Amino acid sequence: ALAQRHTDALLESLRAALDAPAERRERVEATLDTYLAAIEARPQV
């Protein structure tokens, strides 16, 4: 249940990065950064 809760939130953020109005390279970098920012912000989780 906890894994689903956090994975749902992460996937929503990743989709937002992929859907952002930007060039493909920018969206690739934004998607990678979204994942890394998430684990950096809540390392204990």
ModelCIF file with pLDDT and N, C-alpha, C, O atoms, coordinates in Angstrom:
data_MODEL
#
_entry.id   MODEL 
#
_entity.id                         1 
_entity.type                       polymer 
_entity.pdbx_number_of_molecules   1 
#
_entity_poly.entity_id                      1 
_entity_poly.type                           'polypeptide(L)' 
_entity_poly.nstd_linkage                   no 
_entity_poly.nstd_monomer                   no 
_entity_poly.pdbx_seq_one_letter_code       ALAQRHTDALLESLRAALDAPAERRERVEATLDTYLAAIEARPQV 
_entity_poly.pdbx_seq_one_letter_code_can   ALAQRHTDALLESLRAALDAPAERRERVEATLDTYLAAIEARPQV 
_entity_poly.pdbx_strand_id                 A 
#
loop_
_entity_poly_seq.entity_id 
_entity_poly_seq.num 
_entity_poly_seq.mon_id 
_entity_poly_seq.hetero 
1 1  ALA n 
1 2  LEU n 
1 3  ALA n 
1 4  GLN n 
1 5  ARG n 
1 6  HIS n 
1 7  THR n 
1 8  ASP n 
1 9  ALA n 
1 10 LEU n 
1 11 LEU n 
1 12 GLU n 
1 13 SER n 
1 14 LEU n 
1 15 ARG n 
1 16 ALA n 
1 17 ALA n 
1 18 LEU n 
1 19 ASP n 
1 20 ALA n 
1 21 PRO n 
1 22 ALA n 
1 23 GLU n 
1 24 ARG n 
1 25 ARG n 
1 26 GLU n 
1 27 ARG n 
1 28 VAL n 
1 29 GLU n 
1 30 ALA n 
1 31 THR n 
1 32 LEU n 
1 33 ASP n 
1 34 THR n 
1 35 TYR n 
1 36 LEU n 
1 37 ALA n 
1 38 ALA n 
1 39 ILE n 
1 40 GLU n 
1 41 ALA n 
1 42 ARG n 
1 43 PRO n 
1 44 GLN n 
1 45 VAL n 
#
_struct_asym.id          A 
_struct_asym.entity_id   1 
#
loop_
_ma_qa_metric.id 
_ma_qa_metric.mode 
_ma_qa_metric.name 
_ma_qa_metric.software_group_id 
_ma_qa_metric.type 
1 global pLDDT . pLDDT 
2 local  pLDDT . pLDDT 
#
_ma_qa_metric_global.metric_id      1 
_ma_qa_metric_global.metric_value   92.20 
_ma_qa_metric_global.model_id       1 
_ma_qa_metric_global.ordinal_id     1 
#
loop_
_ma_qa_metric_local.label_asym_id 
_ma_qa_metric_local.label_comp_id 
_ma_qa_metric_local.label_seq_id 
_ma_qa_metric_local.metric_id 
_ma_qa_metric_local.metric_value 
_ma_qa_metric_local.model_id 
_ma_qa_metric_local.ordinal_id 
A ALA 1  2 90.00 1 1  
A LEU 2  2 89.00 1 2  
A ALA 3  2 87.00 1 3  
A GLN 4  2 88.00 1 4  
A ARG 5  2 89.00 1 5  
A HIS 6  2 89.00 1 6  
A THR 7  2 88.00 1 7  
A ASP 8  2 91.00 1 8  
A ALA 9  2 92.00 1 9  
A LEU 10 2 91.00 1 10 
A LEU 11 2 90.00 1 11 
A GLU 12 2 93.00 1 12 
A SER 13 2 94.00 1 13 
A LEU 14 2 91.00 1 14 
A ARG 15 2 90.00 1 15 
A ALA 16 2 92.00 1 16 
A ALA 17 2 92.00 1 17 
A LEU 18 2 88.00 1 18 
A ASP 19 2 88.00 1 19 
A ALA 20 2 88.00 1 20 
A PRO 21 2 89.00 1 21 
A ALA 22 2 89.00 1 22 
A GLU 23 2 92.00 1 23 
A ARG 24 2 91.00 1 24 
A ARG 25 2 94.00 1 25 
A GLU 26 2 95.00 1 26 
A ARG 27 2 92.00 1 27 
A VAL 28 2 93.00 1 28 
A GLU 29 2 96.00 1 29 
A ALA 30 2 95.00 1 30 
A THR 31 2 94.00 1 31 
A LEU 32 2 96.00 1 32 
A ASP 33 2 97.00 1 33 
A THR 34 2 96.00 1 34 
A TYR 35 2 96.00 1 35 
A LEU 36 2 97.00 1 36 
A ALA 37 2 97.00 1 37 
A ALA 38 2 95.00 1 38 
A ILE 39 2 95.00 1 39 
A GLU 40 2 96.00 1 40 
A ALA 41 2 95.00 1 41 
A ARG 42 2 93.00 1 42 
A PRO 43 2 93.00 1 43 
A GLN 44 2 92.00 1 44 
A VAL 45 2 91.00 1 45 
#
loop_
_atom_site.group_PDB 
_atom_site.id 
_atom_site.type_symbol 
_atom_site.label_atom_id 
_atom_site.label_alt_id 
_atom_site.label_comp_id 
_atom_site.label_asym_id 
_atom_site.label_entity_id 
_atom_site.label_seq_id 
_atom_site.pdbx_PDB_ins_code 
_atom_site.Cartn_x 
_atom_site.Cartn_y 
_atom_site.Cartn_z 
_atom_site.occupancy 
_atom_site.B_iso_or_equiv 
_atom_site.pdbx_formal_charge 
_atom_site.auth_seq_id 
_atom_site.auth_comp_id 
_atom_site.auth_asym_id 
_atom_site.auth_atom_id 
_atom_site.pdbx_PDB_model_num 
ATOM 1   N N  . ALA A 1 1  ? 0.829  -1.206 0.000   1.00 90.00 ? 1  ALA A N  1 
ATOM 2   C CA . ALA A 1 1  ? 0.000  0.000  0.000   1.00 90.00 ? 1  ALA A CA 1 
ATOM 3   C C  . ALA A 1 1  ? 0.863  1.255  0.000   1.00 90.00 ? 1  ALA A C  1 
ATOM 4   O O  . ALA A 1 1  ? 0.566  2.212  -0.715  1.00 90.00 ? 1  ALA A O  1 
ATOM 5   N N  . LEU A 1 2  ? 1.927  1.256  0.795   1.00 89.00 ? 2  LEU A N  1 
ATOM 6   C CA . LEU A 1 2  ? 2.838  2.395  0.812   1.00 89.00 ? 2  LEU A CA 1 
ATOM 7   C C  . LEU A 1 2  ? 3.562  2.543  -0.526  1.00 89.00 ? 2  LEU A C  1 
ATOM 8   O O  . LEU A 1 2  ? 3.731  3.653  -1.030  1.00 89.00 ? 2  LEU A O  1 
ATOM 9   N N  . ALA A 1 3  ? 3.988  1.409  -1.096  1.00 87.00 ? 3  ALA A N  1 
ATOM 10  C CA . ALA A 1 3  ? 4.683  1.454  -2.377  1.00 87.00 ? 3  ALA A CA 1 
ATOM 11  C C  . ALA A 1 3  ? 3.770  2.018  -3.467  1.00 87.00 ? 3  ALA A C  1 
ATOM 12  O O  . ALA A 1 3  ? 4.210  2.830  -4.281  1.00 87.00 ? 3  ALA A O  1 
ATOM 13  N N  . GLN A 1 4  ? 2.513  1.598  -3.488  1.00 88.00 ? 4  GLN A N  1 
ATOM 14  C CA . GLN A 1 4  ? 1.582  2.114  -4.485  1.00 88.00 ? 4  GLN A CA 1 
ATOM 15  C C  . GLN A 1 4  ? 1.355  3.612  -4.299  1.00 88.00 ? 4  GLN A C  1 
ATOM 16  O O  . GLN A 1 4  ? 1.302  4.365  -5.271  1.00 88.00 ? 4  GLN A O  1 
ATOM 17  N N  . ARG A 1 5  ? 1.223  4.036  -3.049  1.00 89.00 ? 5  ARG A N  1 
ATOM 18  C CA . ARG A 1 5  ? 1.002  5.448  -2.740  1.00 89.00 ? 5  ARG A CA 1 
ATOM 19  C C  . ARG A 1 5  ? 2.127  6.321  -3.296  1.00 89.00 ? 5  ARG A C  1 
ATOM 20  O O  . ARG A 1 5  ? 1.875  7.351  -3.922  1.00 89.00 ? 5  ARG A O  1 
ATOM 21  N N  . HIS A 1 6  ? 3.369  5.898  -3.060  1.00 89.00 ? 6  HIS A N  1 
ATOM 22  C CA . HIS A 1 6  ? 4.508  6.705  -3.512  1.00 89.00 ? 6  HIS A CA 1 
ATOM 23  C C  . HIS A 1 6  ? 4.776  6.533  -5.002  1.00 89.00 ? 6  HIS A C  1 
ATOM 24  O O  . HIS A 1 6  ? 5.192  7.481  -5.669  1.00 89.00 ? 6  HIS A O  1 
ATOM 25  N N  . THR A 1 7  ? 4.544  5.340  -5.530  1.00 88.00 ? 7  THR A N  1 
ATOM 26  C CA . THR A 1 7  ? 4.747  5.126  -6.959  1.00 88.00 ? 7  THR A CA 1 
ATOM 27  C C  . THR A 1 7  ? 3.721  5.903  -7.771  1.00 88.00 ? 7  THR A C  1 
ATOM 28  O O  . THR A 1 7  ? 4.062  6.465  -8.812  1.00 88.00 ? 7  THR A O  1 
ATOM 29  N N  . ASP A 1 8  ? 2.474  5.947  -7.319  1.00 91.00 ? 8  ASP A N  1 
ATOM 30  C CA . ASP A 1 8  ? 1.451  6.729  -8.010  1.00 91.00 ? 8  ASP A CA 1 
ATOM 31  C C  . ASP A 1 8  ? 1.867  8.192  -8.108  1.00 91.00 ? 8  ASP A C  1 
ATOM 32  O O  . ASP A 1 8  ? 1.747  8.809  -9.167  1.00 91.00 ? 8  ASP A O  1 
ATOM 33  N N  . ALA A 1 9  ? 2.358  8.744  -6.997  1.00 92.00 ? 9  ALA A N  1 
ATOM 34  C CA . ALA A 1 9  ? 2.765  10.152 -6.985  1.00 92.00 ? 9  ALA A CA 1 
ATOM 35  C C  . ALA A 1 9  ? 3.964  10.381 -7.911  1.00 92.00 ? 9  ALA A C  1 
ATOM 36  O O  . ALA A 1 9  ? 4.018  11.379 -8.630  1.00 92.00 ? 9  ALA A O  1 
ATOM 37  N N  . LEU A 1 10 ? 4.924  9.448  -7.889  1.00 91.00 ? 10 LEU A N  1 
ATOM 38  C CA . LEU A 1 10 ? 6.097  9.595  -8.742  1.00 91.00 ? 10 LEU A CA 1 
ATOM 39  C C  . LEU A 1 10 ? 5.721  9.507  -10.215 1.00 91.00 ? 10 LEU A C  1 
ATOM 40  O O  . LEU A 1 10 ? 6.193  10.305 -11.024 1.00 91.00 ? 10 LEU A O  1 
ATOM 41  N N  . LEU A 1 11 ? 4.876  8.545  -10.567 1.00 90.00 ? 11 LEU A N  1 
ATOM 42  C CA . LEU A 1 11 ? 4.475  8.387  -11.964 1.00 90.00 ? 11 LEU A CA 1 
ATOM 43  C C  . LEU A 1 11 ? 3.720  9.613  -12.467 1.00 90.00 ? 11 LEU A C  1 
ATOM 44  O O  . LEU A 1 11 ? 3.874  10.010 -13.622 1.00 90.00 ? 11 LEU A O  1 
ATOM 45  N N  . GLU A 1 12 ? 2.916  10.204 -11.614 1.00 93.00 ? 12 GLU A N  1 
ATOM 46  C CA . GLU A 1 12 ? 2.201  11.421 -12.004 1.00 93.00 ? 12 GLU A CA 1 
ATOM 47  C C  . GLU A 1 12 ? 3.194  12.544 -12.318 1.00 93.00 ? 12 GLU A C  1 
ATOM 48  O O  . GLU A 1 12 ? 3.012  13.290 -13.280 1.00 93.00 ? 12 GLU A O  1 
ATOM 49  N N  . SER A 1 13 ? 4.240  12.657 -11.503 1.00 94.00 ? 13 SER A N  1 
ATOM 50  C CA . SER A 1 13 ? 5.260  13.675 -11.746 1.00 94.00 ? 13 SER A CA 1 
ATOM 51  C C  . SER A 1 13 ? 6.052  13.377 -13.015 1.00 94.00 ? 13 SER A C  1 
ATOM 52  O O  . SER A 1 13 ? 6.383  14.295 -13.765 1.00 94.00 ? 13 SER A O  1 
ATOM 53  N N  . LEU A 1 14 ? 6.359  12.108 -13.262 1.00 91.00 ? 14 LEU A N  1 
ATOM 54  C CA . LEU A 1 14 ? 7.093  11.747 -14.473 1.00 91.00 ? 14 LEU A CA 1 
ATOM 55  C C  . LEU A 1 14 ? 6.269  12.026 -15.725 1.00 91.00 ? 14 LEU A C  1 
ATOM 56  O O  . LEU A 1 14 ? 6.801  12.504 -16.727 1.00 91.00 ? 14 LEU A O  1 
ATOM 57  N N  . ARG A 1 15 ? 4.972  11.729 -15.672 1.00 90.00 ? 15 ARG A N  1 
ATOM 58  C CA . ARG A 1 15 ? 4.114  12.019 -16.824 1.00 90.00 ? 15 ARG A CA 1 
ATOM 59  C C  . ARG A 1 15 ? 4.056  13.517 -17.091 1.00 90.00 ? 15 ARG A C  1 
ATOM 60  O O  . ARG A 1 15 ? 4.070  13.942 -18.246 1.00 90.00 ? 15 ARG A O  1 
ATOM 61  N N  . ALA A 1 16 ? 3.991  14.315 -16.037 1.00 92.00 ? 16 ALA A N  1 
ATOM 62  C CA . ALA A 1 16 ? 3.962  15.769 -16.207 1.00 92.00 ? 16 ALA A CA 1 
ATOM 63  C C  . ALA A 1 16 ? 5.237  16.260 -16.893 1.00 92.00 ? 16 ALA A C  1 
ATOM 64  O O  . ALA A 1 16 ? 5.183  17.146 -17.747 1.00 92.00 ? 16 ALA A O  1 
ATOM 65  N N  . ALA A 1 17 ? 6.387  15.682 -16.519 1.00 92.00 ? 17 ALA A N  1 
ATOM 66  C CA . ALA A 1 17 ? 7.654  16.066 -17.149 1.00 92.00 ? 17 ALA A CA 1 
ATOM 67  C C  . ALA A 1 17 ? 7.670  15.668 -18.623 1.00 92.00 ? 17 ALA A C  1 
ATOM 68  O O  . ALA A 1 17 ? 8.160  16.418 -19.467 1.00 92.00 ? 17 ALA A O  1 
ATOM 69  N N  . LEU A 1 18 ? 7.133  14.485 -18.928 1.00 88.00 ? 18 LEU A N  1 
ATOM 70  C CA . LEU A 1 18 ? 7.087  14.026 -20.323 1.00 88.00 ? 18 LEU A CA 1 
ATOM 71  C C  . LEU A 1 18 ? 6.126  14.843 -21.171 1.00 88.00 ? 18 LEU A C  1 
ATOM 72  O O  . LEU A 1 18 ? 6.308  14.963 -22.383 1.00 88.00 ? 18 LEU A O  1 
ATOM 73  N N  . ASP A 1 19 ? 5.106  15.401 -20.538 1.00 88.00 ? 19 ASP A N  1 
ATOM 74  C CA . ASP A 1 19 ? 4.090  16.158 -21.269 1.00 88.00 ? 19 ASP A CA 1 
ATOM 75  C C  . ASP A 1 19 ? 4.380  17.658 -21.338 1.00 88.00 ? 19 ASP A C  1 
ATOM 76  O O  . ASP A 1 19 ? 3.623  18.407 -21.956 1.00 88.00 ? 19 ASP A O  1 
ATOM 77  N N  . ALA A 1 20 ? 5.456  18.093 -20.716 1.00 88.00 ? 20 ALA A N  1 
ATOM 78  C CA . ALA A 1 20 ? 5.759  19.529 -20.675 1.00 88.00 ? 20 ALA A CA 1 
ATOM 79  C C  . ALA A 1 20 ? 6.013  20.060 -22.080 1.00 88.00 ? 20 ALA A C  1 
ATOM 80  O O  . ALA A 1 20 ? 6.567  19.346 -22.917 1.00 88.00 ? 20 ALA A O  1 
ATOM 81  N N  . PRO A 1 21 ? 5.615  21.306 -22.354 1.00 89.00 ? 21 PRO A N  1 
ATOM 82  C CA . PRO A 1 21 ? 5.834  21.907 -23.680 1.00 89.00 ? 21 PRO A CA 1 
ATOM 83  C C  . PRO A 1 21 ? 7.294  22.325 -23.851 1.00 89.00 ? 21 PRO A C  1 
ATOM 84  O O  . PRO A 1 21 ? 7.656  23.472 -23.589 1.00 89.00 ? 21 PRO A O  1 
ATOM 85  N N  . ALA A 1 22 ? 8.119  21.390 -24.290 1.00 89.00 ? 22 ALA A N  1 
ATOM 86  C CA . ALA A 1 22 ? 9.553  21.654 -24.438 1.00 89.00 ? 22 ALA A CA 1 
ATOM 87  C C  . ALA A 1 22 ? 10.107 20.743 -25.524 1.00 89.00 ? 22 ALA A C  1 
ATOM 88  O O  . ALA A 1 22 ? 9.421  19.833 -25.989 1.00 89.00 ? 22 ALA A O  1 
ATOM 89  N N  . GLU A 1 23 ? 11.345 20.990 -25.926 1.00 92.00 ? 23 GLU A N  1 
ATOM 90  C CA . GLU A 1 23 ? 12.004 20.123 -26.890 1.00 92.00 ? 23 GLU A CA 1 
ATOM 91  C C  . GLU A 1 23 ? 12.249 18.742 -26.276 1.00 92.00 ? 23 GLU A C  1 
ATOM 92  O O  . GLU A 1 23 ? 12.297 18.596 -25.054 1.00 92.00 ? 23 GLU A O  1 
ATOM 93  N N  . ARG A 1 24 ? 12.403 17.737 -27.132 1.00 91.00 ? 24 ARG A N  1 
ATOM 94  C CA . ARG A 1 24 ? 12.529 16.363 -26.649 1.00 91.00 ? 24 ARG A CA 1 
ATOM 95  C C  . ARG A 1 24 ? 13.686 16.204 -25.675 1.00 91.00 ? 24 ARG A C  1 
ATOM 96  O O  . ARG A 1 24 ? 13.520 15.577 -24.628 1.00 91.00 ? 24 ARG A O  1 
ATOM 97  N N  . ARG A 1 25 ? 14.842 16.748 -25.987 1.00 94.00 ? 25 ARG A N  1 
ATOM 98  C CA . ARG A 1 25 ? 16.000 16.610 -25.099 1.00 94.00 ? 25 ARG A CA 1 
ATOM 99  C C  . ARG A 1 25 ? 15.696 17.219 -23.729 1.00 94.00 ? 25 ARG A C  1 
ATOM 100 O O  . ARG A 1 25 ? 16.066 16.652 -22.702 1.00 94.00 ? 25 ARG A O  1 
ATOM 101 N N  . GLU A 1 26 ? 15.028 18.366 -23.713 1.00 95.00 ? 26 GLU A N  1 
ATOM 102 C CA . GLU A 1 26 ? 14.677 19.004 -22.447 1.00 95.00 ? 26 GLU A CA 1 
ATOM 103 C C  . GLU A 1 26 ? 13.734 18.124 -21.637 1.00 95.00 ? 26 GLU A C  1 
ATOM 104 O O  . GLU A 1 26 ? 13.858 18.039 -20.415 1.00 95.00 ? 26 GLU A O  1 
ATOM 105 N N  . ARG A 1 27 ? 12.793 17.470 -22.312 1.00 92.00 ? 27 ARG A N  1 
ATOM 106 C CA . ARG A 1 27 ? 11.843 16.618 -21.596 1.00 92.00 ? 27 ARG A CA 1 
ATOM 107 C C  . ARG A 1 27 ? 12.504 15.342 -21.089 1.00 92.00 ? 27 ARG A C  1 
ATOM 108 O O  . ARG A 1 27 ? 12.153 14.844 -20.020 1.00 92.00 ? 27 ARG A O  1 
ATOM 109 N N  . VAL A 1 28 ? 13.452 14.816 -21.845 1.00 93.00 ? 28 VAL A N  1 
ATOM 110 C CA . VAL A 1 28 ? 14.213 13.654 -21.369 1.00 93.00 ? 28 VAL A CA 1 
ATOM 111 C C  . VAL A 1 28 ? 14.967 14.021 -20.092 1.00 93.00 ? 28 VAL A C  1 
ATOM 112 O O  . VAL A 1 28 ? 14.933 13.278 -19.112 1.00 93.00 ? 28 VAL A O  1 
ATOM 113 N N  . GLU A 1 29 ? 15.644 15.164 -20.106 1.00 96.00 ? 29 GLU A N  1 
ATOM 114 C CA . GLU A 1 29 ? 16.386 15.595 -18.927 1.00 96.00 ? 29 GLU A CA 1 
ATOM 115 C C  . GLU A 1 29 ? 15.437 15.888 -17.763 1.00 96.00 ? 29 GLU A C  1 
ATOM 116 O O  . GLU A 1 29 ? 15.736 15.553 -16.617 1.00 96.00 ? 29 GLU A O  1 
ATOM 117 N N  . ALA A 1 30 ? 14.298 16.512 -18.058 1.00 95.00 ? 30 ALA A N  1 
ATOM 118 C CA . ALA A 1 30 ? 13.338 16.823 -16.996 1.00 95.00 ? 30 ALA A CA 1 
ATOM 119 C C  . ALA A 1 30 ? 12.788 15.554 -16.353 1.00 95.00 ? 30 ALA A C  1 
ATOM 120 O O  . ALA A 1 30 ? 12.564 15.517 -15.143 1.00 95.00 ? 30 ALA A O  1 
ATOM 121 N N  . THR A 1 31 ? 12.572 14.522 -17.151 1.00 94.00 ? 31 THR A N  1 
ATOM 122 C CA . THR A 1 31 ? 12.055 13.263 -16.626 1.00 94.00 ? 31 THR A CA 1 
ATOM 123 C C  . THR A 1 31 ? 13.082 12.586 -15.726 1.00 94.00 ? 31 THR A C  1 
ATOM 124 O O  . THR A 1 31 ? 12.747 12.111 -14.641 1.00 94.00 ? 31 THR A O  1 
ATOM 125 N N  . LEU A 1 32 ? 14.329 12.543 -16.176 1.00 96.00 ? 32 LEU A N  1 
ATOM 126 C CA . LEU A 1 32 ? 15.396 11.989 -15.343 1.00 96.00 ? 32 LEU A CA 1 
ATOM 127 C C  . LEU A 1 32 ? 15.535 12.785 -14.048 1.00 96.00 ? 32 LEU A C  1 
ATOM 128 O O  . LEU A 1 32 ? 15.670 12.211 -12.968 1.00 96.00 ? 32 LEU A O  1 
ATOM 129 N N  . ASP A 1 33 ? 15.500 14.112 -14.166 1.00 97.00 ? 33 ASP A N  1 
ATOM 130 C CA . ASP A 1 33 ? 15.656 14.961 -12.992 1.00 97.00 ? 33 ASP A CA 1 
ATOM 131 C C  . ASP A 1 33 ? 14.489 14.794 -12.021 1.00 97.00 ? 33 ASP A C  1 
ATOM 132 O O  . ASP A 1 33 ? 14.685 14.858 -10.807 1.00 97.00 ? 33 ASP A O  1 
ATOM 133 N N  . THR A 1 34 ? 13.297 14.584 -12.532 1.00 96.00 ? 34 THR A N  1 
ATOM 134 C CA . THR A 1 34 ? 12.130 14.387 -11.670 1.00 96.00 ? 34 THR A CA 1 
ATOM 135 C C  . THR A 1 34 ? 12.313 13.154 -10.791 1.00 96.00 ? 34 THR A C  1 
ATOM 136 O O  . THR A 1 34 ? 12.018 13.189 -9.597  1.00 96.00 ? 34 THR A O  1 
ATOM 137 N N  . TYR A 1 35 ? 12.799 12.069 -11.381 1.00 96.00 ? 35 TYR A N  1 
ATOM 138 C CA . TYR A 1 35 ? 13.034 10.851 -10.604 1.00 96.00 ? 35 TYR A CA 1 
ATOM 139 C C  . TYR A 1 35 ? 14.106 11.085 -9.538  1.00 96.00 ? 35 TYR A C  1 
ATOM 140 O O  . TYR A 1 35 ? 13.913 10.749 -8.370  1.00 96.00 ? 35 TYR A O  1 
ATOM 141 N N  . LEU A 1 36 ? 15.234 11.661 -9.951  1.00 97.00 ? 36 LEU A N  1 
ATOM 142 C CA . LEU A 1 36 ? 16.334 11.866 -9.008  1.00 97.00 ? 36 LEU A CA 1 
ATOM 143 C C  . LEU A 1 36 ? 15.954 12.860 -7.920  1.00 97.00 ? 36 LEU A C  1 
ATOM 144 O O  . LEU A 1 36 ? 16.338 12.690 -6.763  1.00 97.00 ? 36 LEU A O  1 
ATOM 145 N N  . ALA A 1 37 ? 15.203 13.897 -8.280  1.00 97.00 ? 37 ALA A N  1 
ATOM 146 C CA . ALA A 1 37 ? 14.764 14.871 -7.280  1.00 97.00 ? 37 ALA A CA 1 
ATOM 147 C C  . ALA A 1 37 ? 13.854 14.221 -6.251  1.00 97.00 ? 37 ALA A C  1 
ATOM 148 O O  . ALA A 1 37 ? 13.898 14.567 -5.070  1.00 97.00 ? 37 ALA A O  1 
ATOM 149 N N  . ALA A 1 38 ? 13.028 13.279 -6.698  1.00 95.00 ? 38 ALA A N  1 
ATOM 150 C CA . ALA A 1 38 ? 12.100 12.605 -5.785  1.00 95.00 ? 38 ALA A CA 1 
ATOM 151 C C  . ALA A 1 38 ? 12.850 11.770 -4.758  1.00 95.00 ? 38 ALA A C  1 
ATOM 152 O O  . ALA A 1 38 ? 12.521 11.812 -3.572  1.00 95.00 ? 38 ALA A O  1 
ATOM 153 N N  . ILE A 1 39 ? 13.848 11.014 -5.190  1.00 95.00 ? 39 ILE A N  1 
ATOM 154 C CA . ILE A 1 39 ? 14.565 10.178 -4.221  1.00 95.00 ? 39 ILE A CA 1 
ATOM 155 C C  . ILE A 1 39 ? 15.489 11.027 -3.356  1.00 95.00 ? 39 ILE A C  1 
ATOM 156 O O  . ILE A 1 39 ? 15.783 10.658 -2.219  1.00 95.00 ? 39 ILE A O  1 
ATOM 157 N N  . GLU A 1 40 ? 15.950 12.159 -3.883  1.00 96.00 ? 40 GLU A N  1 
ATOM 158 C CA . GLU A 1 40 ? 16.794 13.049 -3.086  1.00 96.00 ? 40 GLU A CA 1 
ATOM 159 C C  . GLU A 1 40 ? 15.971 13.746 -2.006  1.00 96.00 ? 40 GLU A C  1 
ATOM 160 O O  . GLU A 1 40 ? 16.443 13.928 -0.884  1.00 96.00 ? 40 GLU A O  1 
ATOM 161 N N  . ALA A 1 41 ? 14.739 14.137 -2.344  1.00 95.00 ? 41 ALA A N  1 
ATOM 162 C CA . ALA A 1 41 ? 13.896 14.867 -1.401  1.00 95.00 ? 41 ALA A CA 1 
ATOM 163 C C  . ALA A 1 41 ? 13.446 13.990 -0.241  1.00 95.00 ? 41 ALA A C  1 
ATOM 164 O O  . ALA A 1 41 ? 13.289 14.480 0.878   1.00 95.00 ? 41 ALA A O  1 
ATOM 165 N N  . ARG A 1 42 ? 13.233 12.684 -0.494  1.00 93.00 ? 42 ARG A N  1 
ATOM 166 C CA . ARG A 1 42 ? 12.740 11.794 0.555   1.00 93.00 ? 42 ARG A CA 1 
ATOM 167 C C  . ARG A 1 42 ? 13.586 10.515 0.573   1.00 93.00 ? 42 ARG A C  1 
ATOM 168 O O  . ARG A 1 42 ? 13.085 9.432  0.271   1.00 93.00 ? 42 ARG A O  1 
ATOM 169 N N  . PRO A 1 43 ? 14.859 10.646 0.926   1.00 93.00 ? 43 PRO A N  1 
ATOM 170 C CA . PRO A 1 43 ? 15.745 9.479  0.880   1.00 93.00 ? 43 PRO A CA 1 
ATOM 171 C C  . PRO A 1 43 ? 15.325 8.361  1.817   1.00 93.00 ? 43 PRO A C  1 
ATOM 172 O O  . PRO A 1 43 ? 15.532 7.189  1.504   1.00 93.00 ? 43 PRO A O  1 
ATOM 173 N N  . GLN A 1 44 ? 14.733 8.700  2.972   1.00 92.00 ? 44 GLN A N  1 
ATOM 174 C CA . GLN A 1 44 ? 14.304 7.663  3.897   1.00 92.00 ? 44 GLN A CA 1 
ATOM 175 C C  . GLN A 1 44 ? 13.176 6.826  3.288   1.00 92.00 ? 44 GLN A C  1 
ATOM 176 O O  . GLN A 1 44 ? 13.139 5.608  3.463   1.00 92.00 ? 44 GLN A O  1 
ATOM 177 N N  . VAL A 1 45 ? 12.266 7.476  2.579   1.00 91.00 ? 45 VAL A N  1 
ATOM 178 C CA . VAL A 1 45 ? 11.192 6.743  1.903   1.00 91.00 ? 45 VAL A CA 1 
ATOM 179 C C  . VAL A 1 45 ? 11.774 5.828  0.843   1.00 91.00 ? 45 VAL A C  1 
ATOM 180 O O  . VAL A 1 45 ? 11.032 5.124  0.160   1.00 91.00 ? 45 VAL A O  1 
#
